[in-house]
Amino acid sequence: MDEDGGSSSAVGIEAQSIPPRQSNTLYLFTQQSLPACKPVLTPAWVITIYFLIGAICIPVGLLSLDASRSVVEITDRYDTDCIPPPFKSNKVAYIKDSSISKNCSRFLKVPKHMKAPIYIYYQLDNYYQNHRRYVKSRSDKQLLHGLKYNSTSSCKPEEYNNGLPIVPCGLIAWSLFNDTYSFSRGTAALKVNRKDISWKSDRDHKFGKQVYPFNFQNGSLIGGGSLDPNVPLSDQEDLIVWMRTAALPSFRKLYGRIEEDLDADDVVVVDVSNNYNTYSFGGKKKLVLSTSSWLGGKNDFLGMAYLSVGSSSILLSLIFLLLHVKNPRPYGDTNYSSWNWKGVSS
């Protein structure tokens, strides 16, 4: 068969291989002629949509704000008051002198009934856990596998101790928060539950069950808290909470839970061990007791955001409605098209 005949046969076979309906759909698709949703934003639709957004956001905002306001929270800054008078002018010398007692008592009055569980947080201000060098100074594989993973170059400058990699290595672990708190009401001690304060996924998948901090804080440069060398990292929940770094310079981390109610006007005595050095960089330390709601802790931002968006939407819908009533525009009026602007202005 000649060349032309062979080509014609091939085209014929190809055409026969495509069903008529599929061929038509392919044609419509390539020509961008398939049916599509083409909403027309008429003034009535725009006004209705803005009004519905406002009608939804405002109730949600009120519910969120009410949930936040129902949370009872006590915040006590203790870093300045727990300095003995002779060291008020030299706080760094006080915190670095191990021969001086760091114990301090604080008295917190409960403003209204606090329903258990009552969450205990420590709050640090002006503390940049998101600093690039600080965030990189850790080894996630070592936290999970211990000395089986010996590459700890990312942990500098807290990398080795007596020729062995420090477990856990890095600046984040080295600077572990080490203030402690004990609570009492009257003559009875308040038991603090410190179990399950970290994420379960962190305990199960990021910190090894057979990794022990056998040489942590044993070097010449001592940082923050110490770790029990007989307890695996997966059970060192203070460390696990601390290793989940904060994004902002002011942050809270969970310390424990009080699992009994506190009544209004109760006085909670807190015995603080003021060990952590925030004085060198002008940081602040606060103790926070807080209940929770269905939405979480006390935070008015979400409710205020919903109210702002809802109020703005209602206001815009009213403005658009007034403009439409005062100066209606016929649908499809071409006088407002760009090529007719000159005619409109005249």
C-alpha atoms as a PDB file:
ATOM      1  CA  MET A   1       0.000   0.000   0.000  1.00  0.00           C
ATOM      2  CA  ASP A   2       1.317   3.466  -0.818  1.00  0.00           C
ATOM      3  CA  GLU A   3       2.264   6.048   1.783  1.00  0.00           C
ATOM      4  CA  ASP A   4      -0.894   8.073   1.418  1.00  0.00           C
ATOM      5  CA  GLY A   5      -3.101   5.033   1.679  1.00  0.00           C
ATOM      6  CA  GLY A   6      -1.352   3.818   4.807  1.00  0.00           C
ATOM      7  CA  SER A   7      -1.717   7.212   6.428  1.00  0.00           C
ATOM      8  CA  SER A   8      -5.406   7.367   5.613  1.00  0.00           C
ATOM      9  CA  SER A   9      -5.967   3.899   7.046  1.00  0.00           C
ATOM     10  CA  ALA A  10      -4.206   4.827  10.278  1.00  0.00           C
ATOM     11  CA  VAL A  11      -6.336   7.917  10.691  1.00  0.00           C
ATOM     12  CA  GLY A  12      -9.444   5.894  10.017  1.00  0.00           C
ATOM     13  CA  ILE A  13      -8.522   3.259  12.589  1.00  0.00           C
ATOM     14  CA  GLU A  14      -7.742   5.935  15.187  1.00  0.00           C
ATOM     15  CA  ALA A  15     -11.034   7.668  14.543  1.00  0.00           C
ATOM     16  CA  GLN A  16     -12.955   4.413  14.852  1.00  0.00           C
ATOM     17  CA  SER A  17     -11.216   3.583  18.146  1.00  0.00           C
ATOM     18  CA  ILE A  18     -12.711   6.639  19.937  1.00  0.00           C
ATOM     19  CA  PRO A  19     -16.409   6.232  20.813  1.00  0.00           C
ATOM     20  CA  PRO A  20     -18.583   9.086  19.472  1.00  0.00           C
ATOM     21  CA  ARG A  21     -19.654  10.285  22.917  1.00  0.00           C
ATOM     22  CA  GLN A  22     -16.096  10.245  24.287  1.00  0.00           C
ATOM     23  CA  SER A  23     -14.856  12.046  21.190  1.00  0.00           C
ATOM     24  CA  ASN A  24     -17.491  14.756  21.658  1.00  0.00           C
ATOM     25  CA  THR A  25     -16.566  15.201  25.346  1.00  0.00           C
ATOM     26  CA  LEU A  26     -12.882  15.439  24.449  1.00  0.00           C
ATOM     27  CA  TYR A  27     -13.695  18.064  21.856  1.00  0.00           C
ATOM     28  CA  LEU A  28     -15.734  20.112  24.323  1.00  0.00           C
ATOM     29  CA  PHE A  29     -12.972  19.833  26.902  1.00  0.00           C
ATOM     30  CA  THR A  30     -10.226  20.971  24.513  1.00  0.00           C
ATOM     31  CA  GLN A  31     -12.427  23.847  23.336  1.00  0.00           C
ATOM     32  CA  GLN A  32     -13.265  24.735  26.971  1.00  0.00           C
ATOM     33  CA  SER A  33     -16.958  24.351  26.217  1.00  0.00           C
ATOM     34  CA  LEU A  34     -17.970  21.890  28.949  1.00  0.00           C
ATOM     35  CA  PRO A  35     -20.863  22.960  31.186  1.00  0.00           C
ATOM     36  CA  ALA A  36     -19.560  24.816  34.242  1.00  0.00           C
ATOM     37  CA  CYS A  37     -20.909  26.650  37.223  1.00  0.00           C
ATOM     38  CA  LYS A  38     -20.827  30.336  36.414  1.00  0.00           C
ATOM     39  CA  PRO A  39     -22.238  32.214  39.401  1.00  0.00           C
ATOM     40  CA  VAL A  40     -23.300  35.772  38.759  1.00  0.00           C
ATOM     41  CA  LEU A  41     -22.704  37.982  41.783  1.00  0.00           C
ATOM     42  CA  THR A  42     -25.730  40.191  41.586  1.00  0.00           C
ATOM     43  CA  PRO A  43     -26.221  42.845  44.289  1.00  0.00           C
ATOM     44  CA  ALA A  44     -28.864  40.715  45.975  1.00  0.00           C
ATOM     45  CA  TRP A  45     -26.512  37.729  46.175  1.00  0.00           C
ATOM     46  CA  VAL A  46     -23.602  39.803  47.514  1.00  0.00           C
ATOM     47  CA  ILE A  47     -25.743  41.457  50.182  1.00  0.00           C
ATOM     48  CA  THR A  48     -27.221  38.081  51.223  1.00  0.00           C
ATOM     49  CA  ILE A  49     -23.810  36.378  51.437  1.00  0.00           C
ATOM     50  CA  TYR A  50     -22.322  39.129  53.609  1.00  0.00           C
ATOM     51  CA  PHE A  51     -25.378  39.078  55.848  1.00  0.00           C
ATOM     52  CA  LEU A  52     -25.189  35.270  56.269  1.00  0.00           C
ATOM     53  CA  ILE A  53     -21.471  35.444  57.116  1.00  0.00           C
ATOM     54  CA  GLY A  54     -22.256  37.968  59.819  1.00  0.00           C
ATOM     55  CA  ALA A  55     -25.225  35.958  61.094  1.00  0.00           C
ATOM     56  CA  ILE A  56     -22.992  32.892  61.503  1.00  0.00           C
ATOM     57  CA  CYS A  57     -19.834  34.556  62.846  1.00  0.00           C
ATOM     58  CA  ILE A  58     -21.434  36.724  65.527  1.00  0.00           C
ATOM     59  CA  PRO A  59     -23.114  33.847  67.465  1.00  0.00           C
ATOM     60  CA  VAL A  60     -19.954  31.737  67.181  1.00  0.00           C
ATOM     61  CA  GLY A  61     -17.914  34.677  68.460  1.00  0.00           C
ATOM     62  CA  LEU A  62     -20.255  35.211  71.407  1.00  0.00           C
ATOM     63  CA  LEU A  63     -20.073  31.513  72.320  1.00  0.00           C
ATOM     64  CA  SER A  64     -16.270  31.517  72.061  1.00  0.00           C
ATOM     65  CA  LEU A  65     -15.977  34.673  74.137  1.00  0.00           C
ATOM     66  CA  ASP A  66     -18.325  33.286  76.777  1.00  0.00           C
ATOM     67  CA  ALA A  67     -16.289  30.068  76.979  1.00  0.00           C
ATOM     68  CA  SER A  68     -13.073  32.055  77.383  1.00  0.00           C
ATOM     69  CA  ARG A  69     -14.544  34.303  80.068  1.00  0.00           C
ATOM     70  CA  SER A  70     -15.768  31.249  82.026  1.00  0.00           C
ATOM     71  CA  VAL A  71     -12.171  30.120  82.559  1.00  0.00           C
ATOM     72  CA  VAL A  72     -10.766  31.042  85.983  1.00  0.00           C
ATOM     73  CA  GLU A  73      -7.083  31.930  85.841  1.00  0.00           C
ATOM     74  CA  ILE A  74      -4.565  33.008  88.483  1.00  0.00           C
ATOM     75  CA  THR A  75      -1.252  34.457  87.304  1.00  0.00           C
ATOM     76  CA  ASP A  76       1.584  35.247  89.700  1.00  0.00           C
ATOM     77  CA  ARG A  77       4.932  36.697  88.703  1.00  0.00           C
ATOM     78  CA  TYR A  78       7.443  35.540  91.300  1.00  0.00           C
ATOM     79  CA  ASP A  79      10.915  36.122  89.843  1.00  0.00           C
ATOM     80  CA  THR A  80      11.312  39.603  91.332  1.00  0.00           C
ATOM     81  CA  ASP A  81       9.632  39.015  94.711  1.00  0.00           C
ATOM     82  CA  CYS A  82      11.630  35.839  95.361  1.00  0.00           C
ATOM     83  CA  ILE A  83      14.942  37.723  95.445  1.00  0.00           C
ATOM     84  CA  PRO A  84      16.318  38.405  98.980  1.00  0.00           C
ATOM     85  CA  PRO A  85      16.664  42.152  99.699  1.00  0.00           C
ATOM     86  CA  PRO A  86      20.508  42.109  99.776  1.00  0.00           C
ATOM     87  CA  PHE A  87      20.542  40.792  96.174  1.00  0.00           C
ATOM     88  CA  LYS A  88      17.945  43.089  94.651  1.00  0.00           C
ATOM     89  CA  SER A  89      20.686  45.021  92.865  1.00  0.00           C
ATOM     90  CA  ASN A  90      22.570  41.905  91.727  1.00  0.00           C
ATOM     91  CA  LYS A  91      20.081  39.222  90.819  1.00  0.00           C
ATOM     92  CA  VAL A  92      22.506  37.284  88.628  1.00  0.00           C
ATOM     93  CA  ALA A  93      24.910  36.793  91.539  1.00  0.00           C
ATOM     94  CA  TYR A  94      22.029  35.497  93.658  1.00  0.00           C
ATOM     95  CA  ILE A  95      20.824  32.936  91.131  1.00  0.00           C
ATOM     96  CA  LYS A  96      24.365  31.670  90.433  1.00  0.00           C
ATOM     97  CA  ASP A  97      25.319  31.276  94.103  1.00  0.00           C
ATOM     98  CA  SER A  98      24.465  27.678  94.995  1.00  0.00           C
ATOM     99  CA  SER A  99      25.071  28.315  98.721  1.00  0.00           C
ATOM    100  CA  ILE A 100      22.002  30.596  98.973  1.00  0.00           C
ATOM    101  CA  SER A 101      18.601  29.027  99.507  1.00  0.00           C
ATOM    102  CA  LYS A 102      16.288  29.530  96.540  1.00  0.00           C
ATOM    103  CA  ASN A 103      13.093  28.631  98.398  1.00  0.00           C
ATOM    104  CA  CYS A 104      10.256  31.116  98.333  1.00  0.00           C
ATOM    105  CA  SER A 105       6.597  31.036  99.420  1.00  0.00           C
ATOM    106  CA  ARG A 106       3.774  32.597  97.450  1.00  0.00           C
ATOM    107  CA  PHE A 107       0.149  33.035  98.541  1.00  0.00           C
ATOM    108  CA  LEU A 108      -2.519  32.843  95.853  1.00  0.00           C
ATOM    109  CA  LYS A 109      -6.132  33.742  96.614  1.00  0.00           C
ATOM    110  CA  VAL A 110      -8.736  31.938  94.534  1.00  0.00           C
ATOM    111  CA  PRO A 111     -11.129  34.571  93.065  1.00  0.00           C
ATOM    112  CA  LYS A 112     -14.006  32.128  92.444  1.00  0.00           C
ATOM    113  CA  HIS A 113     -14.716  28.425  92.339  1.00  0.00           C
ATOM    114  CA  MET A 114     -12.186  26.508  90.220  1.00  0.00           C
ATOM    115  CA  LYS A 115     -13.389  23.149  88.977  1.00  0.00           C
ATOM    116  CA  ALA A 116     -10.850  20.329  88.621  1.00  0.00           C
ATOM    117  CA  PRO A 117      -8.715  19.607  86.757  1.00  0.00           C
ATOM    118  CA  ILE A 118      -6.764  22.784  87.450  1.00  0.00           C
ATOM    119  CA  TYR A 119      -3.802  23.102  85.105  1.00  0.00           C
ATOM    120  CA  ILE A 120      -0.463  24.385  86.360  1.00  0.00           C
ATOM    121  CA  TYR A 121       1.725  26.230  83.858  1.00  0.00           C
ATOM    122  CA  TYR A 122       5.017  28.046  84.089  1.00  0.00           C
ATOM    123  CA  GLN A 123       5.247  31.076  81.833  1.00  0.00           C
ATOM    124  CA  LEU A 124       8.458  32.591  80.496  1.00  0.00           C
ATOM    125  CA  ASP A 125       8.643  36.014  78.848  1.00  0.00           C
ATOM    126  CA  ASN A 126      11.415  37.428  76.665  1.00  0.00           C
ATOM    127  CA  TYR A 127      12.709  33.891  76.088  1.00  0.00           C
ATOM    128  CA  TYR A 128      13.418  33.188  72.418  1.00  0.00           C
ATOM    129  CA  GLN A 129      13.114  29.443  71.969  1.00  0.00           C
ATOM    130  CA  ASN A 130      12.711  30.091  68.247  1.00  0.00           C
ATOM    131  CA  HIS A 131      16.292  31.389  67.849  1.00  0.00           C
ATOM    132  CA  ARG A 132      17.841  29.579  64.865  1.00  0.00           C
ATOM    133  CA  ARG A 133      20.966  28.358  66.644  1.00  0.00           C
ATOM    134  CA  TYR A 134      18.955  27.240  69.672  1.00  0.00           C
ATOM    135  CA  VAL A 135      16.336  25.354  67.640  1.00  0.00           C
ATOM    136  CA  LYS A 136      18.999  23.501  65.609  1.00  0.00           C
ATOM    137  CA  SER A 137      20.990  22.434  68.687  1.00  0.00           C
ATOM    138  CA  ARG A 138      19.389  19.005  69.143  1.00  0.00           C
ATOM    139  CA  SER A 139      19.488  15.500  67.688  1.00  0.00           C
ATOM    140  CA  ASP A 140      16.085  13.906  67.174  1.00  0.00           C
ATOM    141  CA  LYS A 141      17.619  10.583  66.118  1.00  0.00           C
ATOM    142  CA  GLN A 142      19.728  10.457  69.275  1.00  0.00           C
ATOM    143  CA  LEU A 143      16.631  11.153  71.411  1.00  0.00           C
ATOM    144  CA  LEU A 144      15.041   8.066  69.870  1.00  0.00           C
ATOM    145  CA  HIS A 145      18.063   5.735  69.491  1.00  0.00           C
ATOM    146  CA  GLY A 146      20.591   6.965  72.075  1.00  0.00           C
ATOM    147  CA  LEU A 147      24.262   6.114  71.493  1.00  0.00           C
ATOM    148  CA  LYS A 148      23.312   3.901  68.558  1.00  0.00           C
ATOM    149  CA  TYR A 149      23.249   7.191  66.649  1.00  0.00           C
ATOM    150  CA  ASN A 150      26.599   8.901  67.235  1.00  0.00           C
ATOM    151  CA  SER A 151      26.357  11.808  64.796  1.00  0.00           C
ATOM    152  CA  THR A 152      25.680  14.740  67.117  1.00  0.00           C
ATOM    153  CA  SER A 153      27.294  17.567  65.153  1.00  0.00           C
ATOM    154  CA  SER A 154      23.974  19.465  65.189  1.00  0.00           C
ATOM    155  CA  CYS A 155      24.154  19.647  69.005  1.00  0.00           C
ATOM    156  CA  LYS A 156      27.051  22.079  69.210  1.00  0.00           C
ATOM    157  CA  PRO A 157      28.186  23.465  71.602  1.00  0.00           C
ATOM    158  CA  GLU A 158      26.675  20.860  73.999  1.00  0.00           C
ATOM    159  CA  GLU A 159      27.891  17.835  72.085  1.00  0.00           C
ATOM    160  CA  TYR A 160      30.449  15.712  74.014  1.00  0.00           C
ATOM    161  CA  ASN A 161      31.330  14.911  77.615  1.00  0.00           C
ATOM    162  CA  ASN A 162      34.539  12.956  78.323  1.00  0.00           C
ATOM    163  CA  GLY A 163      34.673  11.765  74.721  1.00  0.00           C
ATOM    164  CA  LEU A 164      31.089  10.428  74.637  1.00  0.00           C
ATOM    165  CA  PRO A 165      28.061  12.153  73.132  1.00  0.00           C
ATOM    166  CA  ILE A 166      25.917  13.811  75.792  1.00  0.00           C
ATOM    167  CA  VAL A 167      22.517  12.129  76.114  1.00  0.00           C
ATOM    168  CA  PRO A 168      20.433  14.149  75.414  1.00  0.00           C
ATOM    169  CA  CYS A 169      22.711  16.596  73.618  1.00  0.00           C
ATOM    170  CA  GLY A 170      22.112  20.172  72.507  1.00  0.00           C
ATOM    171  CA  LEU A 171      21.221  23.553  73.955  1.00  0.00           C
ATOM    172  CA  ILE A 172      17.478  22.870  74.245  1.00  0.00           C
ATOM    173  CA  ALA A 173      17.909  19.932  76.614  1.00  0.00           C
ATOM    174  CA  TRP A 174      20.815  21.646  78.389  1.00  0.00           C
ATOM    175  CA  SER A 175      18.622  24.667  79.253  1.00  0.00           C
ATOM    176  CA  LEU A 176      15.803  22.559  80.755  1.00  0.00           C
ATOM    177  CA  PHE A 177      13.531  24.557  83.087  1.00  0.00           C
ATOM    178  CA  ASN A 178      14.222  23.561  86.699  1.00  0.00           C
ATOM    179  CA  ASP A 179      11.999  25.657  88.972  1.00  0.00           C
ATOM    180  CA  THR A 180       9.784  23.425  91.118  1.00  0.00           C
ATOM    181  CA  TYR A 181       6.474  24.031  92.879  1.00  0.00           C
ATOM    182  CA  SER A 182       4.556  22.382  95.708  1.00  0.00           C
ATOM    183  CA  PHE A 183       1.044  23.399  96.726  1.00  0.00           C
ATOM    184  CA  SER A 184      -0.988  23.326  99.918  1.00  0.00           C
ATOM    185  CA  ARG A 185      -4.347  24.625 101.107  1.00  0.00           C
ATOM    186  CA  GLY A 186      -4.442  25.294 104.814  1.00  0.00           C
ATOM    187  CA  THR A 187      -2.670  22.366 106.444  1.00  0.00           C
ATOM    188  CA  ALA A 188      -3.429  19.909 103.627  1.00  0.00           C
ATOM    189  CA  ALA A 189      -1.085  19.408 100.715  1.00  0.00           C
ATOM    190  CA  LEU A 190      -2.539  19.582  97.214  1.00  0.00           C
ATOM    191  CA  LYS A 191      -1.428  16.630  95.153  1.00  0.00           C
ATOM    192  CA  VAL A 192      -0.043  17.508  91.725  1.00  0.00           C
ATOM    193  CA  ASN A 193      -0.430  14.944  88.951  1.00  0.00           C
ATOM    194  CA  ARG A 194       2.576  15.212  86.637  1.00  0.00           C
ATOM    195  CA  LYS A 195       1.716  12.259  84.408  1.00  0.00           C
ATOM    196  CA  ASP A 196       0.559  12.661  80.804  1.00  0.00           C
ATOM    197  CA  ILE A 197       1.536  16.328  80.597  1.00  0.00           C
ATOM    198  CA  SER A 198       3.291  15.745  77.250  1.00  0.00           C
ATOM    199  CA  TRP A 199       1.978  14.668  73.876  1.00  0.00           C
ATOM    200  CA  LYS A 200       1.452  10.894  73.638  1.00  0.00           C
ATOM    201  CA  SER A 201       2.905  10.893  70.116  1.00  0.00           C
ATOM    202  CA  ASP A 202       6.117  12.433  71.481  1.00  0.00           C
ATOM    203  CA  ARG A 203       6.418   9.819  74.230  1.00  0.00           C
ATOM    204  CA  ASP A 204       5.755   6.923  71.872  1.00  0.00           C
ATOM    205  CA  HIS A 205       7.632   7.941  68.745  1.00  0.00           C
ATOM    206  CA  LYS A 206      10.206  10.679  69.464  1.00  0.00           C
ATOM    207  CA  PHE A 207      11.865   9.686  72.747  1.00  0.00           C
ATOM    208  CA  GLY A 208      13.434   6.257  73.186  1.00  0.00           C
ATOM    209  CA  LYS A 209      12.207   3.800  75.801  1.00  0.00           C
ATOM    210  CA  GLN A 210      15.724   2.377  76.097  1.00  0.00           C
ATOM    211  CA  VAL A 211      17.603   5.708  76.042  1.00  0.00           C
ATOM    212  CA  TYR A 212      18.899   6.852  79.446  1.00  0.00           C
ATOM    213  CA  PRO A 213      20.472  10.259  80.273  1.00  0.00           C
ATOM    214  CA  PHE A 214      23.529   8.669  81.917  1.00  0.00           C
ATOM    215  CA  ASN A 215      25.903  11.628  81.384  1.00  0.00           C
ATOM    216  CA  PHE A 216      23.555  14.627  81.256  1.00  0.00           C
ATOM    217  CA  GLN A 217      24.691  17.814  83.078  1.00  0.00           C
ATOM    218  CA  ASN A 218      27.928  16.106  84.201  1.00  0.00           C
ATOM    219  CA  GLY A 219      30.296  18.417  82.363  1.00  0.00           C
ATOM    220  CA  SER A 220      32.004  21.597  83.452  1.00  0.00           C
ATOM    221  CA  LEU A 221      29.181  23.801  82.121  1.00  0.00           C
ATOM    222  CA  ILE A 222      25.918  23.167  83.964  1.00  0.00           C
ATOM    223  CA  GLY A 223      22.718  24.490  82.412  1.00  0.00           C
ATOM    224  CA  GLY A 224      19.190  24.104  83.736  1.00  0.00           C
ATOM    225  CA  GLY A 225      17.522  21.054  85.227  1.00  0.00           C
ATOM    226  CA  SER A 226      18.971  17.589  85.673  1.00  0.00           C
ATOM    227  CA  LEU A 227      17.468  14.248  84.658  1.00  0.00           C
ATOM    228  CA  ASP A 228      17.205  10.955  86.511  1.00  0.00           C
ATOM    229  CA  PRO A 229      19.770   8.646  84.837  1.00  0.00           C
ATOM    230  CA  ASN A 230      17.674   5.592  85.755  1.00  0.00           C
ATOM    231  CA  VAL A 231      14.547   6.774  83.929  1.00  0.00           C
ATOM    232  CA  PRO A 232      14.305   6.498  80.119  1.00  0.00           C
ATOM    233  CA  LEU A 233      13.740   9.636  78.062  1.00  0.00           C
ATOM    234  CA  SER A 234      10.226   8.479  77.112  1.00  0.00           C
ATOM    235  CA  ASP A 235       9.240   8.865  80.788  1.00  0.00           C
ATOM    236  CA  GLN A 236      11.005  12.201  81.376  1.00  0.00           C
ATOM    237  CA  GLU A 237       7.940  14.290  80.634  1.00  0.00           C
ATOM    238  CA  ASP A 238       9.428  17.580  81.832  1.00  0.00           C
ATOM    239  CA  LEU A 239      12.069  17.194  79.135  1.00  0.00           C
ATOM    240  CA  ILE A 240       9.534  16.173  76.493  1.00  0.00           C
ATOM    241  CA  VAL A 241       7.404  19.253  77.203  1.00  0.00           C
ATOM    242  CA  TRP A 242      10.471  21.515  77.157  1.00  0.00           C
ATOM    243  CA  MET A 243      11.824  20.063  73.900  1.00  0.00           C
ATOM    244  CA  ARG A 244       8.683  21.105  72.014  1.00  0.00           C
ATOM    245  CA  THR A 245       9.966  24.624  71.428  1.00  0.00           C
ATOM    246  CA  ALA A 246       7.709  27.676  71.427  1.00  0.00           C
ATOM    247  CA  ALA A 247       7.267  29.974  68.437  1.00  0.00           C
ATOM    248  CA  LEU A 248       6.840  33.203  70.411  1.00  0.00           C
ATOM    249  CA  PRO A 249       9.052  34.854  73.055  1.00  0.00           C
ATOM    250  CA  SER A 250       6.256  34.613  75.650  1.00  0.00           C
ATOM    251  CA  PHE A 251       5.000  31.090  76.196  1.00  0.00           C
ATOM    252  CA  ARG A 252       3.505  28.691  78.729  1.00  0.00           C
ATOM    253  CA  LYS A 253       4.355  25.058  79.318  1.00  0.00           C
ATOM    254  CA  LEU A 254       2.345  22.559  81.307  1.00  0.00           C
ATOM    255  CA  TYR A 255       3.818  21.604  84.693  1.00  0.00           C
ATOM    256  CA  GLY A 256       1.047  19.410  86.109  1.00  0.00           C
ATOM    257  CA  ARG A 257      -2.583  19.216  87.231  1.00  0.00           C
ATOM    258  CA  ILE A 258      -4.382  19.679  90.537  1.00  0.00           C
ATOM    259  CA  GLU A 259      -7.233  17.185  90.508  1.00  0.00           C
ATOM    260  CA  GLU A 260      -9.470  18.618  93.206  1.00  0.00           C
ATOM    261  CA  ASP A 261     -11.716  21.677  93.234  1.00  0.00           C
ATOM    262  CA  LEU A 262     -10.693  24.966  94.802  1.00  0.00           C
ATOM    263  CA  ASP A 263     -13.376  27.139  96.405  1.00  0.00           C
ATOM    264  CA  ALA A 264     -13.704  30.889  96.213  1.00  0.00           C
ATOM    265  CA  ASP A 265     -11.504  32.772  98.706  1.00  0.00           C
ATOM    266  CA  ASP A 266      -9.289  29.732  99.319  1.00  0.00           C
ATOM    267  CA  VAL A 267      -5.632  30.640  99.838  1.00  0.00           C
ATOM    268  CA  VAL A 268      -3.182  28.363  98.044  1.00  0.00           C
ATOM    269  CA  VAL A 269       0.345  28.386  99.445  1.00  0.00           C
ATOM    270  CA  VAL A 270       2.985  27.715  96.788  1.00  0.00           C
ATOM    271  CA  ASP A 271       6.510  26.761  97.808  1.00  0.00           C
ATOM    272  CA  VAL A 272       8.738  27.766  94.905  1.00  0.00           C
ATOM    273  CA  SER A 273      12.318  26.715  94.241  1.00  0.00           C
ATOM    274  CA  ASN A 274      13.549  29.727  92.286  1.00  0.00           C
ATOM    275  CA  ASN A 275      16.417  28.030  90.424  1.00  0.00           C
ATOM    276  CA  TYR A 276      16.082  29.017  86.779  1.00  0.00           C
ATOM    277  CA  ASN A 277      18.248  31.894  85.595  1.00  0.00           C
ATOM    278  CA  THR A 278      16.152  34.365  83.617  1.00  0.00           C
ATOM    279  CA  TYR A 279      17.921  37.359  85.144  1.00  0.00           C
ATOM    280  CA  SER A 280      20.901  37.262  82.777  1.00  0.00           C
ATOM    281  CA  PHE A 281      18.732  38.197  79.785  1.00  0.00           C
ATOM    282  CA  GLY A 282      15.909  40.173  81.421  1.00  0.00           C
ATOM    283  CA  GLY A 283      13.346  37.383  81.299  1.00  0.00           C
ATOM    284  CA  LYS A 284      10.266  36.984  83.473  1.00  0.00           C
ATOM    285  CA  LYS A 285       8.854  33.943  85.269  1.00  0.00           C
ATOM    286  CA  LYS A 286       5.205  33.461  86.136  1.00  0.00           C
ATOM    287  CA  LEU A 287       3.158  30.706  87.711  1.00  0.00           C
ATOM    288  CA  VAL A 288      -0.306  30.173  86.219  1.00  0.00           C
ATOM    289  CA  LEU A 289      -3.242  28.178  87.611  1.00  0.00           C
ATOM    290  CA  SER A 290      -6.072  27.796  85.137  1.00  0.00           C
ATOM    291  CA  THR A 291      -9.252  25.845  84.533  1.00  0.00           C
ATOM    292  CA  SER A 292     -10.424  25.001  81.035  1.00  0.00           C
ATOM    293  CA  SER A 293     -13.592  25.162  78.947  1.00  0.00           C
ATOM    294  CA  TRP A 294     -14.846  23.225  75.914  1.00  0.00           C
ATOM    295  CA  LEU A 295     -12.707  25.580  73.832  1.00  0.00           C
ATOM    296  CA  GLY A 296      -9.539  25.241  75.917  1.00  0.00           C
ATOM    297  CA  GLY A 297      -7.851  27.839  78.105  1.00  0.00           C
ATOM    298  CA  LYS A 298      -8.475  31.547  78.516  1.00  0.00           C
ATOM    299  CA  ASN A 299      -8.006  33.322  75.190  1.00  0.00           C
ATOM    300  CA  ASP A 300     -10.328  36.084  73.967  1.00  0.00           C
ATOM    301  CA  PHE A 301      -8.688  36.368  70.551  1.00  0.00           C
ATOM    302  CA  LEU A 302     -10.813  33.770  68.741  1.00  0.00           C
ATOM    303  CA  GLY A 303     -14.085  35.214  70.010  1.00  0.00           C
ATOM    304  CA  MET A 304     -13.040  38.790  69.228  1.00  0.00           C
ATOM    305  CA  ALA A 305     -11.909  37.726  65.742  1.00  0.00           C
ATOM    306  CA  TYR A 306     -15.281  36.112  64.992  1.00  0.00           C
ATOM    307  CA  LEU A 307     -17.138  39.157  66.311  1.00  0.00           C
ATOM    308  CA  SER A 308     -14.986  41.521  64.242  1.00  0.00           C
ATOM    309  CA  VAL A 309     -15.507  39.547  61.032  1.00  0.00           C
ATOM    310  CA  GLY A 310     -19.229  39.139  61.690  1.00  0.00           C
ATOM    311  CA  SER A 311     -19.772  42.807  62.544  1.00  0.00           C
ATOM    312  CA  SER A 312     -17.797  43.926  59.490  1.00  0.00           C
ATOM    313  CA  SER A 313     -19.849  41.623  57.248  1.00  0.00           C
ATOM    314  CA  ILE A 314     -23.166  42.916  58.613  1.00  0.00           C
ATOM    315  CA  LEU A 315     -21.961  46.510  58.205  1.00  0.00           C
ATOM    316  CA  LEU A 316     -20.870  45.889  54.611  1.00  0.00           C
ATOM    317  CA  SER A 317     -24.174  44.227  53.769  1.00  0.00           C
ATOM    318  CA  LEU A 318     -26.065  47.267  55.092  1.00  0.00           C
ATOM    319  CA  ILE A 319     -23.830  49.684  53.168  1.00  0.00           C
ATOM    320  CA  PHE A 320     -24.268  47.706  49.941  1.00  0.00           C
ATOM    321  CA  LEU A 321     -28.038  47.555  50.527  1.00  0.00           C
ATOM    322  CA  LEU A 322     -28.289  51.325  50.983  1.00  0.00           C
ATOM    323  CA  LEU A 323     -26.170  51.965  47.890  1.00  0.00           C
ATOM    324  CA  HIS A 324     -28.251  49.547  45.847  1.00  0.00           C
ATOM    325  CA  VAL A 325     -31.538  51.090  46.982  1.00  0.00           C
ATOM    326  CA  LYS A 326     -30.295  54.644  46.440  1.00  0.00           C
ATOM    327  CA  ASN A 327     -28.581  54.083  43.122  1.00  0.00           C
ATOM    328  CA  PRO A 328     -29.764  50.809  41.559  1.00  0.00           C
ATOM    329  CA  ARG A 329     -27.849  49.489  38.582  1.00  0.00           C
ATOM    330  CA  PRO A 330     -29.690  47.455  35.922  1.00  0.00           C
ATOM    331  CA  TYR A 331     -28.354  43.962  35.406  1.00  0.00           C
ATOM    332  CA  GLY A 332     -26.054  43.785  32.355  1.00  0.00           C
ATOM    333  CA  ASP A 333     -25.800  47.574  31.961  1.00  0.00           C
ATOM    334  CA  THR A 334     -22.871  48.168  29.575  1.00  0.00           C
ATOM    335  CA  ASN A 335     -22.627  51.861  30.411  1.00  0.00           C
ATOM    336  CA  TYR A 336     -20.261  50.927  33.250  1.00  0.00           C
ATOM    337  CA  SER A 337     -17.921  48.942  31.012  1.00  0.00           C
ATOM    338  CA  SER A 338     -14.377  50.240  30.547  1.00  0.00           C
ATOM    339  CA  TRP A 339     -14.916  51.155  26.910  1.00  0.00           C
ATOM    340  CA  ASN A 340     -17.868  53.345  27.923  1.00  0.00           C
ATOM    341  CA  TRP A 341     -16.241  55.208  30.822  1.00  0.00           C
ATOM    342  CA  LYS A 342     -15.923  58.342  28.677  1.00  0.00           C
ATOM    343  CA  GLY A 343     -19.603  58.258  27.920  1.00  0.00           C
ATOM    344  CA  VAL A 344     -20.523  57.794  31.588  1.00  0.00           C
ATOM    345  CA  SER A 345     -18.351  60.706  32.702  1.00  0.00           C
ATOM    346  CA  SER A 346     -19.947  62.979  30.131  1.00  0.00           C
END
